[in-house]
Amino acid sequence: MNVYRFVNDDVFKDLTFLNKDYVRLFSTFTGQKITLDWNAEIFGISEDKLNRGKLLDFDSRCYGATLIVKKKFEKFFIDEFSEITETLPIKIKGISEDYIYINITNVLTAINFDGLDMQESLAMLRGENITFNLEKIENETIFRDIRINNFYFCTQNFKDFIEKKGINGLRFMKVGTGL
């Protein structure tokens, strides 16, 4: 079973946090339920030179464990993943359309570090050969690992869901397999 991590599709513009305090806030989200109500603009369009010529019409962006999706797709996520996600409204400066932050609350002991020392563990995580515990992930679609919770991981089912719903803005990278 292949396992993926999703990142931004580089053809679309990137977002940036408008305030460093938001970076710190989002880094504390490790799979717990969040009871915040955001009324302020959290993100803005990055204006660096690498963004020149890129498309602005994205449906989603992902930065580690920060998944942003257009609000018009919220019902699909609630219908399909209500037990393992929560959605919160979020605003992006310079974009009139509404977006949501999707918090994945499905935290598993998914990555198998058995028999690996620190150097081997780090090498495994840097490569595309992460070993996942198949018995923990075989019935999962999207999840965080309990130790490496600053990324979202997913199986083919989530990749298929995104493609079927026509949600652009993400790219899937195979990072390992369930054994």
C-alpha atoms as a PDB file:
ATOM      1  CA  MET A   1       0.000   0.000   0.000  1.00  0.00           C
ATOM      2  CA  ASN A   2       1.460   3.349  -1.042  1.00  0.00           C
ATOM      3  CA  VAL A   3       1.416   6.308   1.337  1.00  0.00           C
ATOM      4  CA  TYR A   4       1.576   9.910   0.170  1.00  0.00           C
ATOM      5  CA  ARG A   5       2.260  13.330   1.585  1.00  0.00           C
ATOM      6  CA  PHE A   6       0.615  16.197  -0.215  1.00  0.00           C
ATOM      7  CA  VAL A   7       2.256  19.514  -0.938  1.00  0.00           C
ATOM      8  CA  ASN A   8       1.464  22.567  -3.029  1.00  0.00           C
ATOM      9  CA  ASP A   9       1.190  22.261  -6.773  1.00  0.00           C
ATOM     10  CA  ASP A  10       3.846  24.728  -7.928  1.00  0.00           C
ATOM     11  CA  VAL A  11       1.780  26.148 -10.805  1.00  0.00           C
ATOM     12  CA  PHE A  12      -0.300  28.123  -8.288  1.00  0.00           C
ATOM     13  CA  LYS A  13       0.667  31.098  -6.141  1.00  0.00           C
ATOM     14  CA  ASP A  14       1.806  30.483  -2.587  1.00  0.00           C
ATOM     15  CA  LEU A  15       0.284  31.872   0.572  1.00  0.00           C
ATOM     16  CA  THR A  16       2.105  33.455   3.458  1.00  0.00           C
ATOM     17  CA  PHE A  17       1.122  33.991   7.077  1.00  0.00           C
ATOM     18  CA  LEU A  18       0.396  37.682   7.688  1.00  0.00           C
ATOM     19  CA  ASN A  19       1.643  37.548  11.262  1.00  0.00           C
ATOM     20  CA  LYS A  20       4.417  35.450  12.840  1.00  0.00           C
ATOM     21  CA  ASP A  21       2.120  34.739  15.786  1.00  0.00           C
ATOM     22  CA  TYR A  22      -0.098  32.750  13.417  1.00  0.00           C
ATOM     23  CA  VAL A  23       2.886  30.585  12.457  1.00  0.00           C
ATOM     24  CA  ARG A  24       3.405  29.748  16.122  1.00  0.00           C
ATOM     25  CA  LEU A  25      -0.317  29.143  16.633  1.00  0.00           C
ATOM     26  CA  PHE A  26      -0.624  26.725  13.716  1.00  0.00           C
ATOM     27  CA  SER A  27       2.503  24.850  14.830  1.00  0.00           C
ATOM     28  CA  THR A  28       0.702  23.940  18.076  1.00  0.00           C
ATOM     29  CA  PHE A  29      -2.028  22.065  16.206  1.00  0.00           C
ATOM     30  CA  THR A  30      -1.027  18.412  16.489  1.00  0.00           C
ATOM     31  CA  GLY A  31      -4.333  16.654  15.934  1.00  0.00           C
ATOM     32  CA  GLN A  32      -6.348  17.945  18.866  1.00  0.00           C
ATOM     33  CA  LYS A  33      -9.746  19.593  18.325  1.00  0.00           C
ATOM     34  CA  ILE A  34      -9.475  23.354  17.922  1.00  0.00           C
ATOM     35  CA  THR A  35     -12.060  25.715  19.324  1.00  0.00           C
ATOM     36  CA  LEU A  36     -11.047  28.954  17.643  1.00  0.00           C
ATOM     37  CA  ASP A  37     -13.070  31.347  15.550  1.00  0.00           C
ATOM     38  CA  TRP A  38     -11.006  33.348  13.099  1.00  0.00           C
ATOM     39  CA  ASN A  39     -12.413  36.612  11.873  1.00  0.00           C
ATOM     40  CA  ALA A  40      -9.124  38.190  10.873  1.00  0.00           C
ATOM     41  CA  GLU A  41      -7.206  37.547   7.695  1.00  0.00           C
ATOM     42  CA  ILE A  42      -4.642  34.842   8.469  1.00  0.00           C
ATOM     43  CA  PHE A  43      -2.960  34.445   5.091  1.00  0.00           C
ATOM     44  CA  GLY A  44      -2.010  36.652   2.184  1.00  0.00           C
ATOM     45  CA  ILE A  45      -0.703  35.959  -1.294  1.00  0.00           C
ATOM     46  CA  SER A  46       3.069  35.681  -1.264  1.00  0.00           C
ATOM     47  CA  GLU A  47       4.581  38.469  -3.329  1.00  0.00           C
ATOM     48  CA  ASP A  48       8.075  37.029  -3.742  1.00  0.00           C
ATOM     49  CA  LYS A  49       9.638  36.763  -7.194  1.00  0.00           C
ATOM     50  CA  LEU A  50       9.078  32.991  -7.324  1.00  0.00           C
ATOM     51  CA  ASN A  51       5.322  33.644  -7.500  1.00  0.00           C
ATOM     52  CA  ARG A  52       5.486  35.711 -10.688  1.00  0.00           C
ATOM     53  CA  GLY A  53       3.460  34.199 -13.498  1.00  0.00           C
ATOM     54  CA  LYS A  54       1.795  31.600 -11.297  1.00  0.00           C
ATOM     55  CA  LEU A  55      -1.960  31.056 -11.249  1.00  0.00           C
ATOM     56  CA  LEU A  56      -4.110  32.518  -8.483  1.00  0.00           C
ATOM     57  CA  ASP A  57      -7.187  30.355  -9.063  1.00  0.00           C
ATOM     58  CA  PHE A  58      -6.351  27.559  -6.620  1.00  0.00           C
ATOM     59  CA  ASP A  59      -8.832  25.423  -4.679  1.00  0.00           C
ATOM     60  CA  SER A  60      -6.385  24.298  -2.002  1.00  0.00           C
ATOM     61  CA  ARG A  61      -2.916  24.821  -0.528  1.00  0.00           C
ATOM     62  CA  CYS A  62      -1.015  22.770   2.027  1.00  0.00           C
ATOM     63  CA  TYR A  63       1.941  23.737   4.198  1.00  0.00           C
ATOM     64  CA  GLY A  64       2.970  20.796   6.374  1.00  0.00           C
ATOM     65  CA  ALA A  65      -0.128  20.208   8.480  1.00  0.00           C
ATOM     66  CA  THR A  66      -1.920  23.357   7.341  1.00  0.00           C
ATOM     67  CA  LEU A  67      -4.493  22.384   4.717  1.00  0.00           C
ATOM     68  CA  ILE A  68      -6.535  25.241   3.242  1.00  0.00           C
ATOM     69  CA  VAL A  69      -9.462  24.481   0.895  1.00  0.00           C
ATOM     70  CA  LYS A  70     -12.173  26.589  -0.734  1.00  0.00           C
ATOM     71  CA  LYS A  71     -15.311  26.644   1.376  1.00  0.00           C
ATOM     72  CA  LYS A  72     -17.395  25.354  -1.535  1.00  0.00           C
ATOM     73  CA  PHE A  73     -15.754  21.934  -0.960  1.00  0.00           C
ATOM     74  CA  GLU A  74     -16.467  21.853   2.794  1.00  0.00           C
ATOM     75  CA  LYS A  75     -19.566  19.641   2.500  1.00  0.00           C
ATOM     76  CA  PHE A  76     -17.555  16.979   0.667  1.00  0.00           C
ATOM     77  CA  PHE A  77     -15.001  16.865   3.494  1.00  0.00           C
ATOM     78  CA  ILE A  78     -17.699  16.793   6.175  1.00  0.00           C
ATOM     79  CA  ASP A  79     -19.660  14.056   4.383  1.00  0.00           C
ATOM     80  CA  GLU A  80     -16.585  11.907   3.807  1.00  0.00           C
ATOM     81  CA  PHE A  81     -14.340  12.618   6.806  1.00  0.00           C
ATOM     82  CA  SER A  82     -16.448  14.105   9.634  1.00  0.00           C
ATOM     83  CA  GLU A  83     -15.091  11.605  12.186  1.00  0.00           C
ATOM     84  CA  ILE A  84     -11.448  12.548  11.586  1.00  0.00           C
ATOM     85  CA  THR A  85     -11.531  16.212  10.582  1.00  0.00           C
ATOM     86  CA  GLU A  86     -12.840  19.548  11.654  1.00  0.00           C
ATOM     87  CA  THR A  87     -13.222  22.574   9.434  1.00  0.00           C
ATOM     88  CA  LEU A  88     -12.737  26.173  10.467  1.00  0.00           C
ATOM     89  CA  PRO A  89     -13.364  29.319   8.409  1.00  0.00           C
ATOM     90  CA  ILE A  90     -10.288  31.198   7.326  1.00  0.00           C
ATOM     91  CA  LYS A  91      -9.684  34.388   5.351  1.00  0.00           C
ATOM     92  CA  ILE A  92      -7.007  35.163   2.799  1.00  0.00           C
ATOM     93  CA  LYS A  93      -6.102  38.799   2.212  1.00  0.00           C
ATOM     94  CA  GLY A  94      -6.683  39.815  -1.385  1.00  0.00           C
ATOM     95  CA  ILE A  95      -9.042  36.927  -2.167  1.00  0.00           C
ATOM     96  CA  SER A  96     -12.784  37.452  -1.845  1.00  0.00           C
ATOM     97  CA  GLU A  97     -13.692  33.771  -1.920  1.00  0.00           C
ATOM     98  CA  ASP A  98     -14.125  31.964   1.412  1.00  0.00           C
ATOM     99  CA  TYR A  99     -11.709  29.229   2.496  1.00  0.00           C
ATOM    100  CA  ILE A 100     -11.547  26.737   5.349  1.00  0.00           C
ATOM    101  CA  TYR A 101      -8.720  25.271   7.384  1.00  0.00           C
ATOM    102  CA  ILE A 102      -9.031  21.490   7.636  1.00  0.00           C
ATOM    103  CA  ASN A 103      -7.658  20.094  10.868  1.00  0.00           C
ATOM    104  CA  ILE A 104      -6.951  16.356  10.732  1.00  0.00           C
ATOM    105  CA  THR A 105      -7.631  14.810  14.136  1.00  0.00           C
ATOM    106  CA  ASN A 106      -6.810  11.244  13.090  1.00  0.00           C
ATOM    107  CA  VAL A 107      -3.467  10.649  14.868  1.00  0.00           C
ATOM    108  CA  LEU A 108      -1.915   7.165  14.597  1.00  0.00           C
ATOM    109  CA  THR A 109       1.281   5.334  15.448  1.00  0.00           C
ATOM    110  CA  ALA A 110       1.711   4.939  11.715  1.00  0.00           C
ATOM    111  CA  ILE A 111       5.454   5.105  11.016  1.00  0.00           C
ATOM    112  CA  ASN A 112       7.470   2.033  11.935  1.00  0.00           C
ATOM    113  CA  PHE A 113      10.724   3.065  13.617  1.00  0.00           C
ATOM    114  CA  ASP A 114      11.399  -0.429  15.049  1.00  0.00           C
ATOM    115  CA  GLY A 115      15.078  -1.348  15.014  1.00  0.00           C
ATOM    116  CA  LEU A 116      16.219   2.033  13.671  1.00  0.00           C
ATOM    117  CA  ASP A 117      18.655   4.316  15.434  1.00  0.00           C
ATOM    118  CA  MET A 118      18.314   8.101  15.234  1.00  0.00           C
ATOM    119  CA  GLN A 119      20.414   8.461  12.065  1.00  0.00           C
ATOM    120  CA  GLU A 120      18.547   5.673  10.277  1.00  0.00           C
ATOM    121  CA  SER A 121      15.204   7.171  11.322  1.00  0.00           C
ATOM    122  CA  LEU A 122      16.155  10.588   9.978  1.00  0.00           C
ATOM    123  CA  ALA A 123      17.435   9.095   6.719  1.00  0.00           C
ATOM    124  CA  MET A 124      14.175   7.180   6.296  1.00  0.00           C
ATOM    125  CA  LEU A 125      12.101  10.335   6.854  1.00  0.00           C
ATOM    126  CA  ARG A 126      14.183  12.380   4.386  1.00  0.00           C
ATOM    127  CA  GLY A 127      13.788   9.809   1.644  1.00  0.00           C
ATOM    128  CA  GLU A 128      10.795   8.337  -0.064  1.00  0.00           C
ATOM    129  CA  ASN A 129      11.031   5.030   1.753  1.00  0.00           C
ATOM    130  CA  ILE A 130       9.140   5.555   5.018  1.00  0.00           C
ATOM    131  CA  THR A 131       7.871   2.273   6.405  1.00  0.00           C
ATOM    132  CA  PHE A 132       4.316   2.527   7.727  1.00  0.00           C
ATOM    133  CA  ASN A 133       2.598  -0.035   9.960  1.00  0.00           C
ATOM    134  CA  LEU A 134       0.123  -1.603   7.534  1.00  0.00           C
ATOM    135  CA  GLU A 135      -2.185  -2.819  10.297  1.00  0.00           C
ATOM    136  CA  LYS A 136      -2.519   0.787  11.522  1.00  0.00           C
ATOM    137  CA  ILE A 137      -3.163   2.426   8.133  1.00  0.00           C
ATOM    138  CA  GLU A 138      -4.860  -0.189   5.949  1.00  0.00           C
ATOM    139  CA  ASN A 139      -8.330   1.226   6.665  1.00  0.00           C
ATOM    140  CA  GLU A 140      -7.269   4.875   6.775  1.00  0.00           C
ATOM    141  CA  THR A 141      -7.604   7.645   4.224  1.00  0.00           C
ATOM    142  CA  ILE A 142      -5.838  10.625   5.791  1.00  0.00           C
ATOM    143  CA  PHE A 143      -3.888  10.807   9.048  1.00  0.00           C
ATOM    144  CA  ARG A 144      -1.055  12.265  11.096  1.00  0.00           C
ATOM    145  CA  ASP A 145       1.661  10.188  12.697  1.00  0.00           C
ATOM    146  CA  ILE A 146       1.872  10.532  16.475  1.00  0.00           C
ATOM    147  CA  ARG A 147       5.620  11.311  16.336  1.00  0.00           C
ATOM    148  CA  ILE A 148       5.776  13.206  13.030  1.00  0.00           C
ATOM    149  CA  ASN A 149       2.534  15.153  13.371  1.00  0.00           C
ATOM    150  CA  ASN A 150       3.568  18.251  11.420  1.00  0.00           C
ATOM    151  CA  PHE A 151       2.600  16.579   8.125  1.00  0.00           C
ATOM    152  CA  TYR A 152      -0.545  14.983   6.801  1.00  0.00           C
ATOM    153  CA  PHE A 153      -0.195  11.567   5.216  1.00  0.00           C
ATOM    154  CA  CYS A 154      -2.768   9.862   3.030  1.00  0.00           C
ATOM    155  CA  THR A 155      -3.508   6.730   1.070  1.00  0.00           C
ATOM    156  CA  GLN A 156      -4.662   6.323  -2.519  1.00  0.00           C
ATOM    157  CA  ASN A 157      -8.264   6.766  -1.336  1.00  0.00           C
ATOM    158  CA  PHE A 158      -7.660  10.412  -0.363  1.00  0.00           C
ATOM    159  CA  LYS A 159      -5.740  11.090  -3.552  1.00  0.00           C
ATOM    160  CA  ASP A 160      -8.688   9.656  -5.523  1.00  0.00           C
ATOM    161  CA  PHE A 161     -11.145  11.763  -3.478  1.00  0.00           C
ATOM    162  CA  ILE A 162      -9.275  14.998  -4.314  1.00  0.00           C
ATOM    163  CA  GLU A 163      -9.081  14.108  -8.002  1.00  0.00           C
ATOM    164  CA  LYS A 164     -12.744  13.008  -8.194  1.00  0.00           C
ATOM    165  CA  LYS A 165     -13.932  16.282  -6.619  1.00  0.00           C
ATOM    166  CA  GLY A 166     -11.739  18.298  -8.998  1.00  0.00           C
ATOM    167  CA  ILE A 167      -9.864  20.091  -6.208  1.00  0.00           C
ATOM    168  CA  ASN A 168      -6.731  21.664  -7.642  1.00  0.00           C
ATOM    169  CA  GLY A 169      -3.689  23.115  -5.889  1.00  0.00           C
ATOM    170  CA  LEU A 170      -2.180  19.961  -4.387  1.00  0.00           C
ATOM    171  CA  ARG A 171       0.488  17.564  -5.576  1.00  0.00           C
ATOM    172  CA  PHE A 172       0.920  14.092  -4.082  1.00  0.00           C
ATOM    173  CA  MET A 173       4.370  12.691  -3.349  1.00  0.00           C
ATOM    174  CA  LYS A 174       4.808   9.009  -2.584  1.00  0.00           C
ATOM    175  CA  VAL A 175       6.775   8.896   0.671  1.00  0.00           C
ATOM    176  CA  GLY A 176       6.526   5.263   1.666  1.00  0.00           C
ATOM    177  CA  THR A 177       4.612   2.036   1.888  1.00  0.00           C
ATOM    178  CA  GLY A 178       2.601   0.134   4.429  1.00  0.00           C
ATOM    179  CA  LEU A 179       4.226  -3.187   5.276  1.00  0.00           C
END
